[in-house]
Amino acid sequence: MTQGPSGGFASVFHDSRDLTPFREGRIRTPVKGLTEGLGEAVSGVLGGRNPARLSVAGDVPRLKFLSNRQAKAMHDAVFSSSDPDRLLALARALPGWAGLCYVMSGLLVYKHGGYLRASELLQRGLSTRIDDDASQFSAQYLGRVVTRVEVAERVEVPVLFSEESVFLALSHCLREMGMMEAALQAVVGLPPSLPSALARCTAAFALERHRDVVIWTNGLLNTDDLSAALLLIRARSQRARGNFDSAQAALKEVLRRRKTSLALRQDALTDRALLALDQGRMSLTPRSRRPSPPDELETLEVIRKDAEMRRLWENDFRQLGGE
């Protein structure tokens, strides 16, 4: 939860908007990542698109017949090229479009895995104002651009081009570079949603701000894989704080929904085992607590040690006395 305008708290994972730029999240595994990459390459070849270009939901939007020279150049650089330097050259030639060019080149570099350069381009694009023509082009043609953003470990969310897609991608870049505080600040101002909550809690957990994670995720239920991944972070924060019962309840909620991703269910089972070890149990059943040694045995062991020490002392005293 986060502080609301009335002084109360509002959840960071419940999006009240009718339409959101997010699409169905995916839990990445080595096998699934390989098949998805191969499927994207095959579909790109069959559809006539290079998989190294920016992804588009559906067909590439057609340019209007009477579009000006700047719009034609931008359309070609965004949808027909996989080279970010082409967008950078366009930014130098069209100062009024520079901010948009930096953002789109940053998203393209992010897709290629260049996190340091992508973070620089995205931040520069966000801080550069664009003119009205560039703003209209963005509204008319860029709404179908899709960016697959990693909002938590192995959790990817395809996001339609929007403020969220840019800031979530920037936050991931900063996390990859170890700049966790900056990564957290990048998503603090976003509207509440599960993807932004995952990105926020991932950075907060890395900063060991476990109390914030617990407050932000209070009342969360397992409704899909994104919420299940967020519950795992909540359970780990509760475990770090020593709240074992609350951590167990969060893991139980992850396992409750039968259609939860197998990878997340396995993570939850692993965390349950670690939770049992932290509590000194062989399992999480009430009867599995390790019994403490009886006081009588501890006292008897002390008496035995005292008697042995006294015997050794008496032997030494006799030897000194010549006996």
Foldseek 3Di string as FASTA:
>chain_A
DDQDPVRDDDAQADFPDPDFQWDDKDQADPVVVVVVVVVLCVVCVVVVHHSLAFDFDPDADDDDPPDDPLLVQVSCPRGVDLDLVSLCVSCVVAVQQVLVSLLSSLLSVLVVPPLVSSLVSLVVSVPRHHDPVNVVSCVPGQQGGWGWADLAVSMTIIGGDDLVRSLRSNLRSCVVVVNLVVSLVSLPPPGRHLSSLSNNLRSCVVVLVLVVLLVNCPPQAPPAQSSLSSLQSNLVSCVVVVVLVSSLVSLVRSVPDPPHDPVSVVSSVVVQCVSCVVQCFPHPDPVGHDDDDDPVVVVVVVVVVVVVVVVVVVVVVCVVVVD
